[in-house]
Amino acid sequence: MNHERAFDAAAFQARTGVSRETLDRFIVWHRLLEEWSRHTNLVGRATLDDFWYRHALDSWQLLDLAPDGASHWVDIGAGAGFPGLAIAFGLEDRQVTGRKVTLVESVGKKAAFLRAVLLQTGVTAEVISDRVEALSAPPSCDVVTARAVASLDKLLGYMAPFVDNGAIALIPKGARHVEELTQARKSWNFEERLHPSVTSDEAAIIRIERLSRVR
């Protein structure tokens, strides 16, 4: 469904209650995304016009699913910043104590884009330009997330070191999320909770805890 006409910046602000300063940061992000997408593959070009609903709101919803006091997030395969940049803007907007966002992105051009957005919006976040599995010591965090990176089965392998250190995983998935959960259970033991997505009746946010390999 195409939402770009019905759901714009004003609708996003009304839905989320963000400050004008935070909204301006999203506007800068959107502008840079359009500019960089002319020469760098960041997101599907067909989705650029639906930034506010398909990307911004879809990412923002994770904030309300995190445990109380969650201040450090890690976004694996951060790409164009969904959901990691939205989380960074949200923690700043809500003035969360001890806030920190770590964006892990192995593609150099995408990591450069993330740094450009952070520089122009004045928001602080750490960008690690490397593959998550190459990190010698994955940072401890409260929440680990990833959007449109890999199948759930593969993604849990990336996330396991973070969950082992006490994080929960919040993973947006599309219409095949039930099928992906079934497949993942062949390799992993975990507790999950499904939260309906606010942007698609077919999608869900999967919350994962107590993750271990099937033996």
N, C-alpha and C. Protein backbone atom coordinates (compact mmCIF):
# COMPACT_ATOMS: atom_id res chain seq x y z
N MET A 1 0.85 -1.20 0.00
CA MET A 1 0.00 0.00 0.00
C MET A 1 0.88 1.24 0.00
N ASN A 2 0.52 2.23 -0.81
CA ASN A 2 1.33 3.43 -0.94
C ASN A 2 0.79 4.51 -0.01
N HIS A 3 1.61 4.96 0.92
CA HIS A 3 1.16 5.89 1.96
C HIS A 3 1.74 7.29 1.81
N GLU A 4 2.54 7.53 0.75
CA GLU A 4 3.33 8.75 0.77
C GLU A 4 2.48 10.02 0.78
N ARG A 5 1.29 9.99 0.18
CA ARG A 5 0.45 11.19 0.17
C ARG A 5 -0.28 11.37 1.50
N ALA A 6 -0.71 10.26 2.10
CA ALA A 6 -1.51 10.35 3.31
C ALA A 6 -0.66 10.50 4.56
N PHE A 7 0.58 10.02 4.51
CA PHE A 7 1.41 10.01 5.71
C PHE A 7 2.71 10.75 5.42
N ASP A 8 2.75 12.00 5.85
CA ASP A 8 3.91 12.85 5.60
C ASP A 8 4.58 13.21 6.92
N ALA A 9 5.47 14.20 6.89
CA ALA A 9 6.20 14.60 8.09
C ALA A 9 5.25 15.05 9.21
N ALA A 10 4.22 15.81 8.84
CA ALA A 10 3.26 16.28 9.84
C ALA A 10 2.51 15.12 10.47
N ALA A 11 2.14 14.14 9.66
CA ALA A 11 1.44 12.96 10.18
C ALA A 11 2.35 12.16 11.11
N PHE A 12 3.62 12.07 10.74
CA PHE A 12 4.59 11.36 11.59
C PHE A 12 4.71 12.06 12.94
N GLN A 13 4.80 13.38 12.94
CA GLN A 13 4.92 14.11 14.20
C GLN A 13 3.66 13.94 15.05
N ALA A 14 2.50 13.99 14.41
CA ALA A 14 1.25 13.82 15.15
C ALA A 14 1.14 12.42 15.75
N ARG A 15 1.62 11.43 15.02
CA ARG A 15 1.53 10.03 15.47
C ARG A 15 2.50 9.75 16.61
N THR A 16 3.69 10.32 16.55
CA THR A 16 4.75 9.98 17.51
C THR A 16 4.92 11.00 18.63
N GLY A 17 4.48 12.23 18.40
CA GLY A 17 4.64 13.27 19.40
C GLY A 17 6.05 13.81 19.52
N VAL A 18 6.87 13.65 18.48
CA VAL A 18 8.25 14.13 18.54
C VAL A 18 8.28 15.66 18.54
N SER A 19 9.37 16.19 19.08
CA SER A 19 9.57 17.64 19.09
C SER A 19 9.86 18.14 17.68
N ARG A 20 9.77 19.45 17.50
CA ARG A 20 10.10 20.03 16.21
C ARG A 20 11.57 19.77 15.86
N GLU A 21 12.44 19.83 16.86
CA GLU A 21 13.86 19.58 16.63
C GLU A 21 14.09 18.16 16.12
N THR A 22 13.41 17.20 16.72
CA THR A 22 13.56 15.81 16.28
C THR A 22 12.98 15.63 14.89
N LEU A 23 11.84 16.24 14.62
CA LEU A 23 11.26 16.15 13.28
C LEU A 23 12.22 16.71 12.24
N ASP A 24 12.87 17.81 12.57
CA ASP A 24 13.85 18.40 11.64
C ASP A 24 14.98 17.42 11.35
N ARG A 25 15.38 16.65 12.35
CA ARG A 25 16.43 15.65 12.12
C ARG A 25 15.96 14.58 11.14
N PHE A 26 14.73 14.15 11.26
CA PHE A 26 14.19 13.19 10.30
C PHE A 26 14.13 13.79 8.90
N ILE A 27 13.78 15.06 8.81
CA ILE A 27 13.70 15.73 7.52
C ILE A 27 15.08 15.79 6.86
N VAL A 28 16.10 16.11 7.65
CA VAL A 28 17.48 16.12 7.14
C VAL A 28 17.87 14.72 6.66
N TRP A 29 17.56 13.72 7.44
CA TRP A 29 17.85 12.33 7.08
C TRP A 29 17.19 11.98 5.74
N HIS A 30 15.92 12.33 5.60
CA HIS A 30 15.18 12.05 4.37
C HIS A 30 15.84 12.74 3.18
N ARG A 31 16.21 14.00 3.36
CA ARG A 31 16.86 14.75 2.27
C ARG A 31 18.18 14.10 1.87
N LEU A 32 19.00 13.76 2.85
CA LEU A 32 20.28 13.12 2.54
C LEU A 32 20.09 11.76 1.89
N LEU A 33 19.07 11.05 2.31
CA LEU A 33 18.79 9.74 1.72
C LEU A 33 18.46 9.89 0.23
N GLU A 34 17.67 10.90 -0.09
CA GLU A 34 17.33 11.14 -1.50
C GLU A 34 18.57 11.54 -2.29
N GLU A 35 19.41 12.39 -1.71
CA GLU A 35 20.62 12.84 -2.40
C GLU A 35 21.60 11.70 -2.62
N TRP A 36 21.87 10.94 -1.58
CA TRP A 36 22.86 9.86 -1.67
C TRP A 36 22.36 8.71 -2.55
N SER A 37 21.04 8.52 -2.59
CA SER A 37 20.50 7.40 -3.36
C SER A 37 20.68 7.58 -4.86
N ARG A 38 21.06 8.77 -5.28
CA ARG A 38 21.33 8.99 -6.71
C ARG A 38 22.59 8.27 -7.16
N HIS A 39 23.49 8.00 -6.21
CA HIS A 39 24.75 7.35 -6.57
C HIS A 39 25.12 6.16 -5.68
N THR A 40 24.35 5.93 -4.61
CA THR A 40 24.65 4.84 -3.68
C THR A 40 23.39 4.04 -3.41
N ASN A 41 23.47 2.73 -3.47
CA ASN A 41 22.32 1.87 -3.23
C ASN A 41 22.09 1.73 -1.73
N LEU A 42 21.17 2.54 -1.19
CA LEU A 42 20.89 2.53 0.24
C LEU A 42 19.58 1.82 0.57
N VAL A 43 18.52 2.17 -0.16
CA VAL A 43 17.22 1.51 -0.01
C VAL A 43 16.62 1.38 -1.40
N GLY A 44 15.57 0.57 -1.52
CA GLY A 44 14.88 0.48 -2.79
C GLY A 44 14.33 1.84 -3.19
N ARG A 45 14.65 2.27 -4.40
CA ARG A 45 14.24 3.61 -4.83
C ARG A 45 12.73 3.79 -4.79
N ALA A 46 12.00 2.72 -5.01
CA ALA A 46 10.54 2.81 -5.01
C ALA A 46 9.99 3.15 -3.63
N THR A 47 10.79 2.97 -2.58
CA THR A 47 10.31 3.23 -1.22
C THR A 47 10.67 4.63 -0.71
N LEU A 48 11.45 5.38 -1.48
CA LEU A 48 11.90 6.69 -1.00
C LEU A 48 10.73 7.63 -0.73
N ASP A 49 9.71 7.58 -1.60
CA ASP A 49 8.56 8.48 -1.43
C ASP A 49 7.70 8.09 -0.23
N ASP A 50 7.90 6.89 0.26
CA ASP A 50 7.13 6.41 1.42
C ASP A 50 7.99 6.41 2.68
N PHE A 51 8.94 7.32 2.74
CA PHE A 51 9.90 7.38 3.84
C PHE A 51 9.22 7.44 5.19
N TRP A 52 8.22 8.30 5.33
CA TRP A 52 7.66 8.60 6.65
C TRP A 52 6.90 7.43 7.25
N TYR A 53 6.25 6.64 6.41
CA TYR A 53 5.48 5.50 6.91
C TYR A 53 6.29 4.21 6.89
N ARG A 54 6.82 3.90 5.73
CA ARG A 54 7.48 2.60 5.54
C ARG A 54 8.82 2.52 6.26
N HIS A 55 9.49 3.64 6.42
CA HIS A 55 10.81 3.62 7.05
C HIS A 55 10.82 4.28 8.43
N ALA A 56 10.41 5.55 8.50
CA ALA A 56 10.51 6.28 9.77
C ALA A 56 9.59 5.70 10.84
N LEU A 57 8.30 5.59 10.55
CA LEU A 57 7.37 5.07 11.55
C LEU A 57 7.63 3.59 11.84
N ASP A 58 7.95 2.84 10.81
CA ASP A 58 8.23 1.42 11.00
C ASP A 58 9.41 1.21 11.95
N SER A 59 10.40 2.10 11.87
CA SER A 59 11.55 2.01 12.77
C SER A 59 11.22 2.52 14.17
N TRP A 60 10.49 3.63 14.23
CA TRP A 60 10.17 4.28 15.50
C TRP A 60 9.41 3.36 16.45
N GLN A 61 8.56 2.50 15.91
CA GLN A 61 7.71 1.66 16.77
C GLN A 61 8.52 0.78 17.72
N LEU A 62 9.77 0.49 17.38
CA LEU A 62 10.58 -0.37 18.25
C LEU A 62 10.83 0.27 19.61
N LEU A 63 10.89 1.59 19.65
CA LEU A 63 11.16 2.29 20.91
C LEU A 63 10.15 1.92 21.99
N ASP A 64 8.90 1.75 21.58
CA ASP A 64 7.84 1.48 22.56
C ASP A 64 7.75 0.00 22.95
N LEU A 65 8.57 -0.83 22.32
CA LEU A 65 8.57 -2.26 22.63
C LEU A 65 9.77 -2.66 23.48
N ALA A 66 10.67 -1.73 23.73
CA ALA A 66 11.88 -2.01 24.50
C ALA A 66 11.57 -2.02 26.00
N PRO A 67 12.37 -2.71 26.78
CA PRO A 67 12.19 -2.69 28.24
C PRO A 67 12.37 -1.28 28.78
N ASP A 68 11.72 -0.99 29.89
CA ASP A 68 11.89 0.31 30.54
C ASP A 68 13.37 0.53 30.86
N GLY A 69 13.84 1.72 30.54
CA GLY A 69 15.22 2.06 30.85
C GLY A 69 16.23 1.60 29.83
N ALA A 70 15.80 0.96 28.76
CA ALA A 70 16.74 0.51 27.73
C ALA A 70 17.41 1.72 27.10
N SER A 71 18.72 1.82 27.26
CA SER A 71 19.43 3.02 26.81
C SER A 71 20.49 2.74 25.75
N HIS A 72 20.97 1.50 25.67
CA HIS A 72 22.01 1.18 24.69
C HIS A 72 21.45 0.17 23.69
N TRP A 73 21.42 0.59 22.43
CA TRP A 73 20.93 -0.24 21.34
C TRP A 73 22.07 -0.53 20.37
N VAL A 74 22.04 -1.72 19.79
CA VAL A 74 22.95 -2.07 18.70
C VAL A 74 22.11 -2.46 17.49
N ASP A 75 22.39 -1.82 16.35
CA ASP A 75 21.69 -2.12 15.10
C ASP A 75 22.68 -2.83 14.17
N ILE A 76 22.38 -4.07 13.84
CA ILE A 76 23.25 -4.89 12.99
C ILE A 76 22.87 -4.71 11.53
N GLY A 77 23.86 -4.43 10.69
CA GLY A 77 23.57 -4.20 9.27
C GLY A 77 22.74 -2.96 9.10
N ALA A 78 23.21 -1.85 9.68
CA ALA A 78 22.40 -0.64 9.82
C ALA A 78 21.99 -0.02 8.49
N GLY A 79 22.77 -0.25 7.43
CA GLY A 79 22.37 0.23 6.11
C GLY A 79 22.14 1.71 6.04
N ALA A 80 20.93 2.10 5.67
CA ALA A 80 20.56 3.51 5.58
C ALA A 80 20.11 4.09 6.91
N GLY A 81 20.17 3.26 7.98
CA GLY A 81 19.84 3.76 9.31
C GLY A 81 18.53 3.29 9.87
N PHE A 82 17.89 2.34 9.20
CA PHE A 82 16.62 1.81 9.69
C PHE A 82 16.86 0.48 10.38
N PRO A 83 16.59 0.36 11.67
CA PRO A 83 15.97 1.37 12.53
C PRO A 83 16.94 2.21 13.35
N GLY A 84 18.24 1.98 13.25
CA GLY A 84 19.19 2.55 14.20
C GLY A 84 19.19 4.06 14.34
N LEU A 85 19.15 4.78 13.21
CA LEU A 85 19.13 6.24 13.30
C LEU A 85 17.84 6.73 13.95
N ALA A 86 16.72 6.09 13.60
CA ALA A 86 15.45 6.47 14.21
C ALA A 86 15.49 6.26 15.72
N ILE A 87 16.13 5.17 16.15
CA ILE A 87 16.28 4.91 17.58
C ILE A 87 17.14 5.99 18.22
N ALA A 88 18.25 6.35 17.58
CA ALA A 88 19.13 7.39 18.12
C ALA A 88 18.38 8.71 18.26
N PHE A 89 17.60 9.07 17.25
CA PHE A 89 16.80 10.30 17.33
C PHE A 89 15.77 10.20 18.44
N GLY A 90 15.17 9.01 18.59
CA GLY A 90 14.14 8.82 19.60
C GLY A 90 14.68 8.89 21.02
N LEU A 91 15.84 8.27 21.26
CA LEU A 91 16.44 8.34 22.59
C LEU A 91 16.82 9.77 22.94
N GLU A 92 17.28 10.52 21.94
CA GLU A 92 17.60 11.94 22.14
C GLU A 92 16.32 12.72 22.44
N ASP A 93 15.27 12.46 21.68
CA ASP A 93 14.00 13.15 21.86
C ASP A 93 13.43 12.92 23.26
N ARG A 94 13.57 11.70 23.75
CA ARG A 94 13.03 11.34 25.06
C ARG A 94 14.02 11.57 26.20
N GLN A 95 15.21 12.06 25.85
CA GLN A 95 16.25 12.37 26.84
C GLN A 95 16.51 11.18 27.77
N VAL A 96 16.67 10.01 27.16
CA VAL A 96 16.94 8.79 27.92
C VAL A 96 18.34 8.86 28.54
N THR A 97 18.42 8.63 29.83
CA THR A 97 19.70 8.70 30.53
C THR A 97 20.65 7.61 30.04
N GLY A 98 21.91 7.99 29.80
CA GLY A 98 22.91 7.03 29.36
C GLY A 98 22.71 6.51 27.96
N ARG A 99 22.00 7.27 27.14
CA ARG A 99 21.65 6.80 25.79
C ARG A 99 22.89 6.58 24.92
N LYS A 100 22.86 5.48 24.17
CA LYS A 100 23.94 5.15 23.25
C LYS A 100 23.39 4.22 22.17
N VAL A 101 23.75 4.50 20.94
CA VAL A 101 23.36 3.64 19.82
C VAL A 101 24.63 3.27 19.05
N THR A 102 24.77 1.99 18.77
CA THR A 102 25.90 1.49 17.99
C THR A 102 25.37 0.95 16.67
N LEU A 103 25.86 1.50 15.58
CA LEU A 103 25.43 1.11 14.24
C LEU A 103 26.54 0.29 13.59
N VAL A 104 26.26 -0.97 13.32
CA VAL A 104 27.26 -1.86 12.72
C VAL A 104 26.93 -2.02 11.24
N GLU A 105 27.83 -1.58 10.38
CA GLU A 105 27.59 -1.62 8.93
C GLU A 105 28.90 -1.89 8.20
N SER A 106 28.96 -3.01 7.48
CA SER A 106 30.21 -3.44 6.85
C SER A 106 30.50 -2.74 5.53
N VAL A 107 29.48 -2.21 4.86
CA VAL A 107 29.67 -1.56 3.56
C VAL A 107 30.13 -0.12 3.80
N GLY A 108 31.31 0.20 3.29
CA GLY A 108 31.92 1.50 3.57
C GLY A 108 31.06 2.69 3.19
N LYS A 109 30.42 2.64 2.01
CA LYS A 109 29.60 3.77 1.56
C LYS A 109 28.39 3.97 2.46
N LYS A 110 27.82 2.88 2.94
CA LYS A 110 26.67 3.00 3.83
C LYS A 110 27.10 3.54 5.20
N ALA A 111 28.25 3.09 5.68
CA ALA A 111 28.78 3.62 6.94
C ALA A 111 29.06 5.11 6.81
N ALA A 112 29.57 5.53 5.65
CA ALA A 112 29.83 6.96 5.41
C ALA A 112 28.52 7.75 5.42
N PHE A 113 27.47 7.16 4.86
CA PHE A 113 26.16 7.83 4.87
C PHE A 113 25.68 8.01 6.31
N LEU A 114 25.79 6.98 7.12
CA LEU A 114 25.35 7.08 8.51
C LEU A 114 26.10 8.20 9.23
N ARG A 115 27.40 8.28 9.01
CA ARG A 115 28.19 9.34 9.66
C ARG A 115 27.77 10.72 9.16
N ALA A 116 27.43 10.82 7.88
CA ALA A 116 27.00 12.11 7.33
C ALA A 116 25.69 12.57 7.97
N VAL A 117 24.76 11.64 8.15
CA VAL A 117 23.48 12.00 8.79
C VAL A 117 23.71 12.43 10.24
N LEU A 118 24.53 11.69 10.95
CA LEU A 118 24.82 12.04 12.35
C LEU A 118 25.48 13.41 12.44
N LEU A 119 26.41 13.69 11.54
CA LEU A 119 27.09 14.98 11.54
C LEU A 119 26.12 16.13 11.30
N GLN A 120 25.23 15.96 10.34
CA GLN A 120 24.33 17.05 9.97
C GLN A 120 23.14 17.20 10.92
N THR A 121 22.85 16.17 11.69
CA THR A 121 21.74 16.27 12.65
C THR A 121 22.22 16.56 14.07
N GLY A 122 23.52 16.43 14.30
CA GLY A 122 24.06 16.72 15.63
C GLY A 122 23.76 15.67 16.67
N VAL A 123 23.41 14.46 16.23
CA VAL A 123 23.13 13.37 17.15
C VAL A 123 24.35 12.46 17.24
N THR A 124 24.63 11.98 18.44
CA THR A 124 25.80 11.13 18.65
C THR A 124 25.41 9.66 18.60
N ALA A 125 26.16 8.91 17.81
CA ALA A 125 26.04 7.45 17.77
C ALA A 125 27.36 6.90 17.28
N GLU A 126 27.64 5.66 17.63
CA GLU A 126 28.88 5.01 17.19
C GLU A 126 28.62 4.24 15.91
N VAL A 127 29.45 4.45 14.90
CA VAL A 127 29.37 3.70 13.65
C VAL A 127 30.58 2.77 13.57
N ILE A 128 30.33 1.47 13.50
CA ILE A 128 31.40 0.48 13.36
C ILE A 128 31.33 -0.07 11.94
N SER A 129 32.35 0.23 11.15
CA SER A 129 32.38 -0.22 9.75
C SER A 129 33.06 -1.58 9.67
N ASP A 130 32.29 -2.62 9.99
CA ASP A 130 32.83 -3.98 9.98
C ASP A 130 31.66 -4.95 10.01
N ARG A 131 31.93 -6.20 9.72
CA ARG A 131 30.92 -7.23 9.85
C ARG A 131 30.74 -7.57 11.32
N VAL A 132 29.51 -7.80 11.73
CA VAL A 132 29.25 -8.03 13.15
C VAL A 132 29.97 -9.28 13.64
N GLU A 133 30.08 -10.30 12.78
CA GLU A 133 30.72 -11.53 13.21
C GLU A 133 32.23 -11.38 13.35
N ALA A 134 32.77 -10.25 12.84
CA ALA A 134 34.21 -10.01 12.94
C ALA A 134 34.59 -9.24 14.20
N LEU A 135 33.59 -8.79 14.96
CA LEU A 135 33.89 -8.02 16.16
C LEU A 135 34.51 -8.94 17.21
N SER A 136 35.66 -8.54 17.73
CA SER A 136 36.35 -9.38 18.71
C SER A 136 35.62 -9.42 20.04
N ALA A 137 34.97 -8.31 20.37
CA ALA A 137 34.22 -8.22 21.63
C ALA A 137 32.93 -7.45 21.38
N PRO A 138 31.84 -8.14 21.02
CA PRO A 138 30.58 -7.45 20.79
C PRO A 138 30.19 -6.60 21.99
N PRO A 139 29.80 -5.34 21.77
CA PRO A 139 29.48 -4.48 22.90
C PRO A 139 28.25 -4.97 23.66
N SER A 140 28.28 -4.85 24.97
CA SER A 140 27.09 -5.18 25.75
C SER A 140 26.05 -4.12 25.50
N CYS A 141 24.78 -4.50 25.51
CA CYS A 141 23.71 -3.55 25.21
C CYS A 141 22.42 -4.05 25.83
N ASP A 142 21.40 -3.20 25.77
CA ASP A 142 20.08 -3.57 26.27
C ASP A 142 19.22 -4.20 25.19
N VAL A 143 19.37 -3.69 23.96
CA VAL A 143 18.56 -4.16 22.83
C VAL A 143 19.45 -4.31 21.61
N VAL A 144 19.32 -5.43 20.93
CA VAL A 144 19.98 -5.61 19.63
C VAL A 144 18.88 -5.76 18.59
N THR A 145 19.06 -5.12 17.45
CA THR A 145 18.03 -5.13 16.42
C THR A 145 18.66 -5.23 15.05
N ALA A 146 17.85 -5.54 14.06
CA ALA A 146 18.28 -5.58 12.66
C ALA A 146 17.03 -5.61 11.80
N ARG A 147 17.11 -4.93 10.68
CA ARG A 147 15.95 -4.85 9.78
C ARG A 147 16.40 -5.18 8.36
N ALA A 148 15.73 -6.16 7.77
CA ALA A 148 15.99 -6.53 6.37
C ALA A 148 17.45 -6.89 6.13
N VAL A 149 18.02 -7.70 7.05
CA VAL A 149 19.43 -8.08 6.94
C VAL A 149 19.60 -9.53 6.48
N ALA A 150 18.86 -10.45 7.10
CA ALA A 150 19.02 -11.87 6.80
C ALA A 150 17.81 -12.62 7.32
N SER A 151 17.74 -13.91 6.98
CA SER A 151 16.69 -14.75 7.55
C SER A 151 16.84 -14.78 9.06
N LEU A 152 15.75 -15.09 9.76
CA LEU A 152 15.79 -15.11 11.22
C LEU A 152 16.82 -16.12 11.72
N ASP A 153 16.87 -17.28 11.09
CA ASP A 153 17.82 -18.32 11.49
C ASP A 153 19.25 -17.79 11.46
N LYS A 154 19.63 -17.14 10.38
CA LYS A 154 20.98 -16.59 10.25
C LYS A 154 21.19 -15.41 11.18
N LEU A 155 20.17 -14.59 11.30
CA LEU A 155 20.27 -13.39 12.12
C LEU A 155 20.51 -13.73 13.59
N LEU A 156 19.88 -14.78 14.07
CA LEU A 156 20.07 -15.17 15.47
C LEU A 156 21.52 -15.55 15.75
N GLY A 157 22.21 -16.06 14.74
CA GLY A 157 23.63 -16.34 14.91
C GLY A 157 24.43 -15.08 15.15
N TYR A 158 24.07 -13.99 14.46
CA TYR A 158 24.73 -12.71 14.67
C TYR A 158 24.40 -12.13 16.04
N MET A 159 23.17 -12.36 16.48
CA MET A 159 22.69 -11.72 17.69
C MET A 159 23.02 -12.48 18.97
N ALA A 160 23.34 -13.76 18.84
CA ALA A 160 23.54 -14.61 20.02
C ALA A 160 24.54 -14.03 21.03
N PRO A 161 25.70 -13.50 20.60
CA PRO A 161 26.64 -12.95 21.60
C PRO A 161 26.06 -11.79 22.40
N PHE A 162 25.18 -11.01 21.78
CA PHE A 162 24.57 -9.88 22.48
C PHE A 162 23.52 -10.37 23.47
N VAL A 163 22.71 -11.33 23.04
CA VAL A 163 21.68 -11.88 23.93
C VAL A 163 22.33 -12.63 25.08
N ASP A 164 23.45 -13.30 24.81
CA ASP A 164 24.19 -13.99 25.88
C ASP A 164 24.64 -13.01 26.96
N ASN A 165 24.88 -11.76 26.55
CA ASN A 165 25.33 -10.73 27.49
C ASN A 165 24.18 -9.97 28.14
N GLY A 166 22.94 -10.43 27.91
CA GLY A 166 21.80 -9.84 28.60
C GLY A 166 20.87 -9.00 27.78
N ALA A 167 21.14 -8.85 26.48
CA ALA A 167 20.26 -8.04 25.63
C ALA A 167 19.01 -8.82 25.25
N ILE A 168 17.98 -8.10 24.87
CA ILE A 168 16.86 -8.71 24.17
C ILE A 168 17.00 -8.34 22.70
N ALA A 169 16.42 -9.14 21.83
CA ALA A 169 16.43 -8.84 20.40
C ALA A 169 15.03 -8.39 19.97
N LEU A 170 14.98 -7.31 19.22
CA LEU A 170 13.74 -6.84 18.61
C LEU A 170 13.95 -6.84 17.10
N ILE A 171 13.20 -7.70 16.41
CA ILE A 171 13.47 -7.96 15.00
C ILE A 171 12.20 -7.74 14.17
N PRO A 172 12.16 -6.68 13.35
CA PRO A 172 11.02 -6.50 12.45
C PRO A 172 11.07 -7.54 11.33
N LYS A 173 9.95 -8.21 11.10
CA LYS A 173 9.87 -9.19 10.03
C LYS A 173 8.55 -9.03 9.28
N GLY A 174 8.55 -9.46 8.02
CA GLY A 174 7.39 -9.29 7.16
C GLY A 174 6.41 -10.44 7.21
N ALA A 175 5.74 -10.66 6.09
CA ALA A 175 4.63 -11.60 6.03
C ALA A 175 5.04 -13.04 6.31
N ARG A 176 6.32 -13.36 6.13
CA ARG A 176 6.78 -14.75 6.32
C ARG A 176 7.36 -14.98 7.72
N HIS A 177 7.02 -14.13 8.68
CA HIS A 177 7.65 -14.24 10.00
C HIS A 177 7.34 -15.56 10.71
N VAL A 178 6.14 -16.09 10.53
CA VAL A 178 5.80 -17.36 11.18
C VAL A 178 6.63 -18.48 10.57
N GLU A 179 6.77 -18.46 9.25
CA GLU A 179 7.60 -19.46 8.57
C GLU A 179 9.06 -19.35 9.02
N GLU A 180 9.55 -18.12 9.16
CA GLU A 180 10.93 -17.92 9.60
C GLU A 180 11.14 -18.41 11.04
N LEU A 181 10.15 -18.19 11.89
CA LEU A 181 10.25 -18.69 13.26
C LEU A 181 10.33 -20.21 13.29
N THR A 182 9.49 -20.85 12.49
CA THR A 182 9.49 -22.32 12.43
C THR A 182 10.84 -22.84 11.97
N GLN A 183 11.41 -22.20 10.95
CA GLN A 183 12.71 -22.62 10.45
C GLN A 183 13.81 -22.39 11.48
N ALA A 184 13.75 -21.25 12.17
CA ALA A 184 14.78 -20.92 13.16
C ALA A 184 14.78 -21.89 14.33
N ARG A 185 13.61 -22.41 14.67
CA ARG A 185 13.53 -23.33 15.81
C ARG A 185 14.23 -24.66 15.55
N LYS A 186 14.56 -24.94 14.32
CA LYS A 186 15.31 -26.16 14.02
C LYS A 186 16.76 -26.05 14.50
N SER A 187 17.23 -24.81 14.63
CA SER A 187 18.63 -24.58 15.03
C SER A 187 18.77 -23.90 16.38
N TRP A 188 17.69 -23.26 16.85
CA TRP A 188 17.80 -22.42 18.04
C TRP A 188 16.69 -22.70 19.04
N ASN A 189 17.02 -22.60 20.32
CA ASN A 189 16.03 -22.53 21.39
C ASN A 189 15.90 -21.07 21.80
N PHE A 190 14.69 -20.61 22.00
CA PHE A 190 14.49 -19.22 22.42
C PHE A 190 13.06 -19.02 22.90
N GLU A 191 12.88 -17.95 23.63
CA GLU A 191 11.54 -17.48 24.00
C GLU A 191 11.22 -16.29 23.11
N GLU A 192 10.04 -16.31 22.51
CA GLU A 192 9.67 -15.20 21.65
C GLU A 192 8.31 -14.63 22.02
N ARG A 193 8.15 -13.38 21.67
CA ARG A 193 6.86 -12.70 21.81
C ARG A 193 6.64 -11.92 20.51
N LEU A 194 5.46 -12.05 19.94
CA LEU A 194 5.15 -11.36 18.69
C LEU A 194 4.34 -10.10 18.97
N HIS A 195 4.79 -9.00 18.42
CA HIS A 195 4.07 -7.73 18.51
C HIS A 195 3.60 -7.34 17.11
N PRO A 196 2.31 -7.08 16.92
CA PRO A 196 1.85 -6.66 15.60
C PRO A 196 2.54 -5.37 15.16
N SER A 197 2.91 -5.31 13.89
CA SER A 197 3.51 -4.09 13.36
C SER A 197 2.44 -3.02 13.18
N VAL A 198 2.81 -1.77 13.43
CA VAL A 198 1.86 -0.68 13.24
C VAL A 198 1.79 -0.24 11.79
N THR A 199 2.69 -0.75 10.95
CA THR A 199 2.72 -0.31 9.55
C THR A 199 2.27 -1.37 8.56
N SER A 200 2.02 -2.60 9.02
CA SER A 200 1.56 -3.65 8.11
C SER A 200 0.83 -4.73 8.90
N ASP A 201 -0.35 -5.09 8.42
CA ASP A 201 -1.13 -6.14 9.08
C ASP A 201 -0.45 -7.50 8.97
N GLU A 202 0.43 -7.66 7.99
CA GLU A 202 1.08 -8.95 7.77
C GLU A 202 2.41 -9.08 8.51
N ALA A 203 2.95 -7.96 8.97
CA ALA A 203 4.27 -7.96 9.59
C ALA A 203 4.18 -8.04 11.11
N ALA A 204 5.33 -8.28 11.73
CA ALA A 204 5.39 -8.36 13.20
C ALA A 204 6.79 -7.98 13.66
N ILE A 205 6.86 -7.57 14.92
CA ILE A 205 8.14 -7.37 15.59
C ILE A 205 8.33 -8.57 16.50
N ILE A 206 9.42 -9.31 16.30
CA ILE A 206 9.69 -10.50 17.10
C ILE A 206 10.65 -10.13 18.23
N ARG A 207 10.23 -10.38 19.45
CA ARG A 207 11.09 -10.18 20.61
C ARG A 207 11.67 -11.53 21.02
N ILE A 208 12.98 -11.60 21.08
CA ILE A 208 13.68 -12.85 21.39
C ILE A 208 14.47 -12.70 22.68
N GLU A 209 14.35 -13.71 23.55
CA GLU A 209 15.16 -13.79 24.78
C GLU A 209 15.59 -15.23 24.99
N ARG A 210 16.56 -15.42 25.89
CA ARG A 210 17.02 -16.77 26.28
C ARG A 210 17.33 -17.63 25.05
N LEU A 211 18.32 -17.18 24.33
CA LEU A 211 18.68 -17.79 23.05
C LEU A 211 19.84 -18.77 23.21
N SER A 212 19.70 -19.96 22.65
CA SER A 212 20.79 -20.94 22.68
C SER A 212 20.65 -21.88 21.49
N ARG A 213 21.76 -22.48 21.11
CA ARG A 213 21.77 -23.43 20.01
C ARG A 213 21.07 -24.73 20.40
N VAL A 214 20.36 -25.32 19.45
CA VAL A 214 19.80 -26.66 19.65
C VAL A 214 20.95 -27.65 19.66
N ARG A 215 20.96 -28.54 20.63
CA ARG A 215 22.05 -29.53 20.75
C ARG A 215 21.56 -30.92 20.38
